[in-house]
PDB file of N, CA and C in Angstrom:
ATOM      1  N   UNK A   1       0.896  -1.210  -0.082  1.00  0.00           N
ATOM      2  CA  UNK A   1      -0.016   0.078  -0.034  1.00  0.00           C
ATOM      3  C   UNK A   1       0.873   1.282   0.001  1.00  0.00           C
ATOM      4  N   UNK A   2       0.644   2.072  -0.889  1.00  0.00           N
ATOM      5  CA  UNK A   2       1.412   3.354  -0.976  1.00  0.00           C
ATOM      6  C   UNK A   2       0.852   4.373  -0.089  1.00  0.00           C
ATOM      7  N   UNK A   3       1.871   5.217   0.524  1.00  0.00           N
ATOM      8  CA  UNK A   3       1.280   6.303   1.451  1.00  0.00           C
ATOM      9  C   UNK A   3       0.775   7.522   0.643  1.00  0.00           C
ATOM     10  N   UNK A   4      -0.341   7.882   0.884  1.00  0.00           N
ATOM     11  CA  UNK A   4      -0.927   9.156   0.225  1.00  0.00           C
ATOM     12  C   UNK A   4      -0.083  10.180   0.574  1.00  0.00           C
ATOM     13  N   UNK A   5       0.131  11.238  -0.321  1.00  0.00           N
ATOM     14  CA  UNK A   5       1.002  12.341  -0.131  1.00  0.00           C
ATOM     15  C   UNK A   5       0.260  13.465   0.658  1.00  0.00           C
ATOM     16  N   UNK A   6      -1.046  13.368   0.515  1.00  0.00           N
ATOM     17  CA  UNK A   6      -1.833  14.370   1.384  1.00  0.00           C
ATOM     18  C   UNK A   6      -2.634  13.641   2.321  1.00  0.00           C
ATOM     19  N   UNK A   7      -1.950  13.382   3.591  1.00  0.00           N
ATOM     20  CA  UNK A   7      -2.401  12.457   4.477  1.00  0.00           C
ATOM     21  C   UNK A   7      -3.057  13.432   5.767  1.00  0.00           C
ATOM     22  N   UNK A   8      -4.238  13.003   6.117  1.00  0.00           N
ATOM     23  CA  UNK A   8      -4.977  13.889   7.228  1.00  0.00           C
ATOM     24  C   UNK A   8      -4.395  13.281   8.587  1.00  0.00           C
ATOM     25  N   UNK A   9      -4.745  13.927   9.659  1.00  0.00           N
ATOM     26  CA  UNK A   9      -4.385  13.408  11.008  1.00  0.00           C
ATOM     27  C   UNK A   9      -5.032  12.131  11.201  1.00  0.00           C
ATOM     28  N   UNK A  10      -6.260  12.088  10.975  1.00  0.00           N
ATOM     29  CA  UNK A  10      -7.056  10.838  11.259  1.00  0.00           C
ATOM     30  C   UNK A  10      -6.444   9.646  10.367  1.00  0.00           C
ATOM     31  N   UNK A  11      -6.085   9.889   9.128  1.00  0.00           N
ATOM     32  CA  UNK A  11      -5.645   8.731   8.263  1.00  0.00           C
ATOM     33  C   UNK A  11      -4.179   8.486   8.854  1.00  0.00           C
ATOM     34  N   UNK A  12      -3.478   9.476   9.434  1.00  0.00           N
ATOM     35  CA  UNK A  12      -2.120   9.171   9.957  1.00  0.00           C
ATOM     36  C   UNK A  12      -2.118   8.125  11.116  1.00  0.00           C
ATOM     37  N   UNK A  13      -3.264   8.179  11.772  1.00  0.00           N
ATOM     38  CA  UNK A  13      -3.355   7.256  13.000  1.00  0.00           C
ATOM     39  C   UNK A  13      -3.870   5.917  12.639  1.00  0.00           C
ATOM     40  N   UNK A  14      -4.191   5.495  11.323  1.00  0.00           N
ATOM     41  CA  UNK A  14      -4.570   4.260  11.041  1.00  0.00           C
ATOM     42  C   UNK A  14      -3.254   3.345  10.818  1.00  0.00           C
ATOM     43  N   UNK A  15      -3.330   2.217  11.329  1.00  0.00           N
ATOM     44  CA  UNK A  15      -2.153   1.239  11.293  1.00  0.00           C
ATOM     45  C   UNK A  15      -1.539   1.039   9.905  1.00  0.00           C
ATOM     46  N   UNK A  16      -2.509   0.855   8.876  1.00  0.00           N
ATOM     47  CA  UNK A  16      -2.085   0.451   7.578  1.00  0.00           C
ATOM     48  C   UNK A  16      -1.264   1.642   6.901  1.00  0.00           C
ATOM     49  N   UNK A  17      -1.704   2.894   7.131  1.00  0.00           N
ATOM     50  CA  UNK A  17      -0.979   4.013   6.552  1.00  0.00           C
ATOM     51  C   UNK A  17       0.357   4.288   7.306  1.00  0.00           C
ATOM     52  N   UNK A  18       0.281   4.074   8.733  1.00  0.00           N
ATOM     53  CA  UNK A  18       1.488   4.111   9.439  1.00  0.00           C
ATOM     54  C   UNK A  18       2.652   3.060   9.024  1.00  0.00           C
ATOM     55  N   UNK A  19       2.096   1.771   8.908  1.00  0.00           N
ATOM     56  CA  UNK A  19       3.039   0.812   8.466  1.00  0.00           C
ATOM     57  C   UNK A  19       3.548   1.158   7.087  1.00  0.00           C
ATOM     58  N   UNK A  20       2.762   1.524   6.091  1.00  0.00           N
ATOM     59  CA  UNK A  20       3.271   1.880   4.863  1.00  0.00           C
ATOM     60  C   UNK A  20       4.230   3.154   4.821  1.00  0.00           C
ATOM     61  N   UNK A  21       3.987   3.894   5.697  1.00  0.00           N
ATOM     62  CA  UNK A  21       4.908   5.087   5.794  1.00  0.00           C
ATOM     63  C   UNK A  21       6.386   4.669   6.352  1.00  0.00           C
ATOM     64  N   UNK A  22       6.322   3.902   7.390  1.00  0.00           N
ATOM     65  CA  UNK A  22       7.608   3.517   8.007  1.00  0.00           C
ATOM     66  C   UNK A  22       8.312   2.425   7.067  1.00  0.00           C
ATOM     67  N   UNK A  23       7.580   1.713   6.287  1.00  0.00           N
ATOM     68  CA  UNK A  23       8.312   0.743   5.316  1.00  0.00           C
ATOM     69  C   UNK A  23       8.868   1.528   4.327  1.00  0.00           C
ATOM     70  N   UNK A  24       8.334   2.744   3.796  1.00  0.00           N
ATOM     71  CA  UNK A  24       8.857   3.334   2.809  1.00  0.00           C
ATOM     72  C   UNK A  24       9.988   4.470   3.129  1.00  0.00           C
ATOM     73  N   UNK A  25      10.043   4.529   4.548  1.00  0.00           N
ATOM     74  CA  UNK A  25      11.030   5.467   5.069  1.00  0.00           C
ATOM     75  C   UNK A  25      11.902   4.742   6.127  1.00  0.00           C
ATOM     76  N   UNK A  26      12.830   3.932   5.765  1.00  0.00           N
ATOM     77  CA  UNK A  26      13.356   2.966   6.672  1.00  0.00           C
ATOM     78  C   UNK A  26      14.348   3.736   7.689  1.00  0.00           C
ATOM     79  N   UNK A  27      14.896   4.967   7.247  1.00  0.00           N
ATOM     80  CA  UNK A  27      15.715   5.785   8.212  1.00  0.00           C
ATOM     81  C   UNK A  27      14.953   6.430   9.241  1.00  0.00           C
ATOM     82  N   UNK A  28      13.769   6.772   8.942  1.00  0.00           N
ATOM     83  CA  UNK A  28      12.965   7.370   9.990  1.00  0.00           C
ATOM     84  C   UNK A  28      12.398   6.302  10.931  1.00  0.00           C
ATOM     85  N   UNK A  29      12.224   5.119  10.431  1.00  0.00           N
ATOM     86  CA  UNK A  29      11.697   4.048  11.144  1.00  0.00           C
ATOM     87  C   UNK A  29      12.860   3.691  12.166  1.00  0.00           C
ATOM     88  N   UNK A  30      14.107   3.554  11.817  1.00  0.00           N
ATOM     89  CA  UNK A  30      15.059   3.273  12.787  1.00  0.00           C
ATOM     90  C   UNK A  30      15.275   4.487  13.841  1.00  0.00           C
ATOM     91  N   UNK A  31      15.104   5.670  13.349  1.00  0.00           N
ATOM     92  CA  UNK A  31      15.133   6.628  14.410  1.00  0.00           C
ATOM     93  C   UNK A  31      13.994   6.623  15.496  1.00  0.00           C
ATOM     94  N   UNK A  32      12.868   6.273  14.853  1.00  0.00           N
ATOM     95  CA  UNK A  32      11.659   6.195  15.757  1.00  0.00           C
ATOM     96  C   UNK A  32      11.749   5.156  16.848  1.00  0.00           C
ATOM     97  N   UNK A  33      12.456   3.845  16.332  1.00  0.00           N
ATOM     98  CA  UNK A  33      12.863   2.800  17.229  1.00  0.00           C
ATOM     99  C   UNK A  33      13.653   3.327  18.436  1.00  0.00           C
ATOM    100  N   UNK A  34      14.665   4.081  18.196  1.00  0.00           N
ATOM    101  CA  UNK A  34      15.511   4.624  19.189  1.00  0.00           C
ATOM    102  C   UNK A  34      14.734   5.605  20.112  1.00  0.00           C
ATOM    103  N   UNK A  35      13.801   6.481  19.497  1.00  0.00           N
ATOM    104  CA  UNK A  35      13.079   7.403  20.050  1.00  0.00           C
ATOM    105  C   UNK A  35      12.115   6.677  21.192  1.00  0.00           C
ATOM    106  N   UNK A  36      11.420   5.546  20.758  1.00  0.00           N
ATOM    107  CA  UNK A  36      10.412   4.916  21.509  1.00  0.00           C
ATOM    108  C   UNK A  36      11.146   4.180  22.638  1.00  0.00           C
ATOM    109  N   UNK A  37      12.298   3.716  22.408  1.00  0.00           N
ATOM    110  CA  UNK A  37      12.892   3.032  23.572  1.00  0.00           C
ATOM    111  C   UNK A  37      13.765   4.118  24.542  1.00  0.00           C
ATOM    112  N   UNK A  38      14.426   5.030  23.826  1.00  0.00           N
ATOM    113  CA  UNK A  38      15.252   5.972  24.759  1.00  0.00           C
ATOM    114  C   UNK A  38      14.487   6.943  25.620  1.00  0.00           C
ATOM    115  N   UNK A  39      13.442   7.540  25.001  1.00  0.00           N
ATOM    116  CA  UNK A  39      12.691   8.628  25.813  1.00  0.00           C
ATOM    117  C   UNK A  39      12.266   8.134  27.269  1.00  0.00           C
ATOM    118  N   UNK A  40      11.614   7.035  27.408  1.00  0.00           N
ATOM    119  CA  UNK A  40      11.389   6.578  28.731  1.00  0.00           C
ATOM    120  C   UNK A  40      12.653   6.417  29.647  1.00  0.00           C
ATOM    121  N   UNK A  41      13.668   5.904  29.000  1.00  0.00           N
ATOM    122  CA  UNK A  41      14.942   5.653  29.809  1.00  0.00           C
ATOM    123  C   UNK A  41      15.586   7.005  30.164  1.00  0.00           C
ATOM    124  N   UNK A  42      15.516   8.022  29.341  1.00  0.00           N
ATOM    125  CA  UNK A  42      15.931   9.323  29.656  1.00  0.00           C
ATOM    126  C   UNK A  42      15.021  10.061  30.825  1.00  0.00           C
ATOM    127  N   UNK A  43      13.745   9.859  30.661  1.00  0.00           N
ATOM    128  CA  UNK A  43      12.825  10.276  31.664  1.00  0.00           C
ATOM    129  C   UNK A  43      13.190   9.704  33.027  1.00  0.00           C
ATOM    130  N   UNK A  44      13.543   8.340  33.171  1.00  0.00           N
ATOM    131  CA  UNK A  44      13.929   7.813  34.498  1.00  0.00           C
ATOM    132  C   UNK A  44      15.110   8.394  34.936  1.00  0.00           C
ATOM    133  N   UNK A  45      16.164   8.622  34.076  1.00  0.00           N
ATOM    134  CA  UNK A  45      17.347   9.100  34.557  1.00  0.00           C
ATOM    135  C   UNK A  45      17.184  10.600  34.949  1.00  0.00           C
ATOM    136  N   UNK A  46      16.426  11.322  34.312  1.00  0.00           N
ATOM    137  CA  UNK A  46      16.195  12.707  34.728  1.00  0.00           C
ATOM    138  C   UNK A  46      15.265  12.879  35.990  1.00  0.00           C
ATOM    139  N   UNK A  47      14.129  12.232  36.071  1.00  0.00           N
ATOM    140  CA  UNK A  47      13.292  12.578  37.213  1.00  0.00           C
ATOM    141  C   UNK A  47      12.436  11.237  37.732  1.00  0.00           C
ATOM    142  N   UNK A  48      12.897  10.211  37.458  1.00  0.00           N
ATOM    143  CA  UNK A  48      12.366   8.938  38.151  1.00  0.00           C
ATOM    144  C   UNK A  48      11.188   8.501  37.375  1.00  0.00           C
ATOM    145  N   UNK A  49      10.128   8.000  38.137  1.00  0.00           N
ATOM    146  CA  UNK A  49       9.094   7.284  37.555  1.00  0.00           C
ATOM    147  C   UNK A  49       8.203   8.379  36.826  1.00  0.00           C
ATOM    148  N   UNK A  50       7.974   9.498  37.388  1.00  0.00           N
ATOM    149  CA  UNK A  50       7.095  10.492  36.439  1.00  0.00           C
ATOM    150  C   UNK A  50       7.784  10.745  35.255  1.00  0.00           C
ATOM    151  N   UNK A  51       9.103  10.829  35.159  1.00  0.00           N
ATOM    152  CA  UNK A  51       9.808  11.061  33.888  1.00  0.00           C
ATOM    153  C   UNK A  51       9.651   9.949  32.982  1.00  0.00           C
ATOM    154  N   UNK A  52       9.626   8.693  33.450  1.00  0.00           N
ATOM    155  CA  UNK A  52       9.326   7.611  32.620  1.00  0.00           C
ATOM    156  C   UNK A  52       7.966   7.544  31.857  1.00  0.00           C
ATOM    157  N   UNK A  53       7.028   7.858  32.783  1.00  0.00           N
ATOM    158  CA  UNK A  53       5.642   8.159  32.254  1.00  0.00           C
ATOM    159  C   UNK A  53       5.549   9.103  31.158  1.00  0.00           C
ATOM    160  N   UNK A  54       6.087  10.333  31.485  1.00  0.00           N
ATOM    161  CA  UNK A  54       6.164  11.444  30.446  1.00  0.00           C
ATOM    162  C   UNK A  54       7.076  11.017  29.222  1.00  0.00           C
ATOM    163  N   UNK A  55       8.178  10.374  29.361  1.00  0.00           N
ATOM    164  CA  UNK A  55       8.929   9.935  28.217  1.00  0.00           C
ATOM    165  C   UNK A  55       8.162   8.825  27.330  1.00  0.00           C
ATOM    166  N   UNK A  56       7.384   7.891  28.084  1.00  0.00           N
ATOM    167  CA  UNK A  56       6.640   6.903  27.332  1.00  0.00           C
ATOM    168  C   UNK A  56       5.590   7.684  26.486  1.00  0.00           C
ATOM    169  N   UNK A  57       4.824   8.637  27.171  1.00  0.00           N
ATOM    170  CA  UNK A  57       3.738   9.372  26.452  1.00  0.00           C
ATOM    171  C   UNK A  57       4.232  10.021  25.199  1.00  0.00           C
ATOM    172  N   UNK A  58       5.483  10.858  25.405  1.00  0.00           N
ATOM    173  CA  UNK A  58       6.105  11.486  24.411  1.00  0.00           C
ATOM    174  C   UNK A  58       6.522  10.650  23.221  1.00  0.00           C
ATOM    175  N   UNK A  59       7.167   9.524  23.541  1.00  0.00           N
ATOM    176  CA  UNK A  59       7.612   8.567  22.357  1.00  0.00           C
ATOM    177  C   UNK A  59       6.471   8.135  21.647  1.00  0.00           C
ATOM    178  N   UNK A  60       5.358   7.620  22.279  1.00  0.00           N
ATOM    179  CA  UNK A  60       4.062   7.203  21.531  1.00  0.00           C
ATOM    180  C   UNK A  60       3.582   8.256  20.715  1.00  0.00           C
ATOM    181  N   UNK A  61       3.534   9.452  21.318  1.00  0.00           N
ATOM    182  CA  UNK A  61       2.924  10.513  20.496  1.00  0.00           C
ATOM    183  C   UNK A  61       3.765  10.833  19.221  1.00  0.00           C
ATOM    184  N   UNK A  62       5.092  10.733  19.469  1.00  0.00           N
ATOM    185  CA  UNK A  62       6.106  10.866  18.299  1.00  0.00           C
ATOM    186  C   UNK A  62       5.894   9.880  17.320  1.00  0.00           C
ATOM    187  N   UNK A  63       5.735   8.526  17.707  1.00  0.00           N
ATOM    188  CA  UNK A  63       5.543   7.498  16.777  1.00  0.00           C
ATOM    189  C   UNK A  63       4.413   7.587  15.968  1.00  0.00           C
ATOM    190  N   UNK A  64       3.225   8.024  16.536  1.00  0.00           N
ATOM    191  CA  UNK A  64       1.922   8.018  15.757  1.00  0.00           C
ATOM    192  C   UNK A  64       1.905   9.331  14.969  1.00  0.00           C
ATOM    193  N   UNK A  65       2.423  10.547  15.341  1.00  0.00           N
ATOM    194  CA  UNK A  65       2.443  11.654  14.573  1.00  0.00           C
ATOM    195  C   UNK A  65       3.391  11.899  13.565  1.00  0.00           C
ATOM    196  N   UNK A  66       4.437  11.227  13.642  1.00  0.00           N
ATOM    197  CA  UNK A  66       5.667  11.358  12.669  1.00  0.00           C
ATOM    198  C   UNK A  66       5.286  11.278  11.270  1.00  0.00           C
ATOM    199  N   UNK A  67       4.544  10.188  10.815  1.00  0.00           N
ATOM    200  CA  UNK A  67       3.892  10.242   9.360  1.00  0.00           C
ATOM    201  C   UNK A  67       3.251  11.525   8.989  1.00  0.00           C
ATOM    202  N   UNK A  68       2.397  11.977   9.772  1.00  0.00           N
ATOM    203  CA  UNK A  68       1.559  13.089   9.515  1.00  0.00           C
ATOM    204  C   UNK A  68       2.420  14.426   9.388  1.00  0.00           C
ATOM    205  N   UNK A  69       3.370  14.595  10.338  1.00  0.00           N
ATOM    206  CA  UNK A  69       4.282  15.708  10.249  1.00  0.00           C
ATOM    207  C   UNK A  69       5.203  15.700   9.083  1.00  0.00           C
ATOM    208  N   UNK A  70       5.806  14.678   8.961  1.00  0.00           N
ATOM    209  CA  UNK A  70       6.861  14.534   7.852  1.00  0.00           C
ATOM    210  C   UNK A  70       6.218  14.761   6.536  1.00  0.00           C
ATOM    211  N   UNK A  71       4.937  14.083   6.254  1.00  0.00           N
ATOM    212  CA  UNK A  71       4.446  14.253   4.846  1.00  0.00           C
ATOM    213  C   UNK A  71       3.804  15.627   4.797  1.00  0.00           C
ATOM    214  N   UNK A  72       3.421  16.349   5.867  1.00  0.00           N
ATOM    215  CA  UNK A  72       2.904  17.642   5.615  1.00  0.00           C
ATOM    216  C   UNK A  72       4.184  18.717   5.477  1.00  0.00           C
ATOM    217  N   UNK A  73       5.236  18.362   6.102  1.00  0.00           N
ATOM    218  CA  UNK A  73       6.325  19.355   6.015  1.00  0.00           C
ATOM    219  C   UNK A  73       6.937  19.171   4.506  1.00  0.00           C
ATOM    220  N   UNK A  74       6.864  18.002   3.960  1.00  0.00           N
ATOM    221  CA  UNK A  74       7.331  17.783   2.466  1.00  0.00           C
ATOM    222  C   UNK A  74       6.560  18.481   1.423  1.00  0.00           C
ATOM    223  N   UNK A  75       5.402  19.025   1.720  1.00  0.00           N
ATOM    224  CA  UNK A  75       4.563  19.668   0.771  1.00  0.00           C
ATOM    225  C   UNK A  75       5.129  20.863   0.312  1.00  0.00           C
TER     226      UNK A  75
END
């Protein structure tokens, strides 16, 4: 499935569109793997359990919104 070039926020949250985006952008996918795993660890290092929760939330938001942001910046 090809990623549409004009993706809406709702469509970017669908797993098929997100999967197609990350399969087409391997370098961004590798970066997102690092972000998803490292943000909670940095949060624990900086401020303990609350930092881990905030880091987890931010990493998940970044994972879901990256296709939308990247495709809209490319316009």
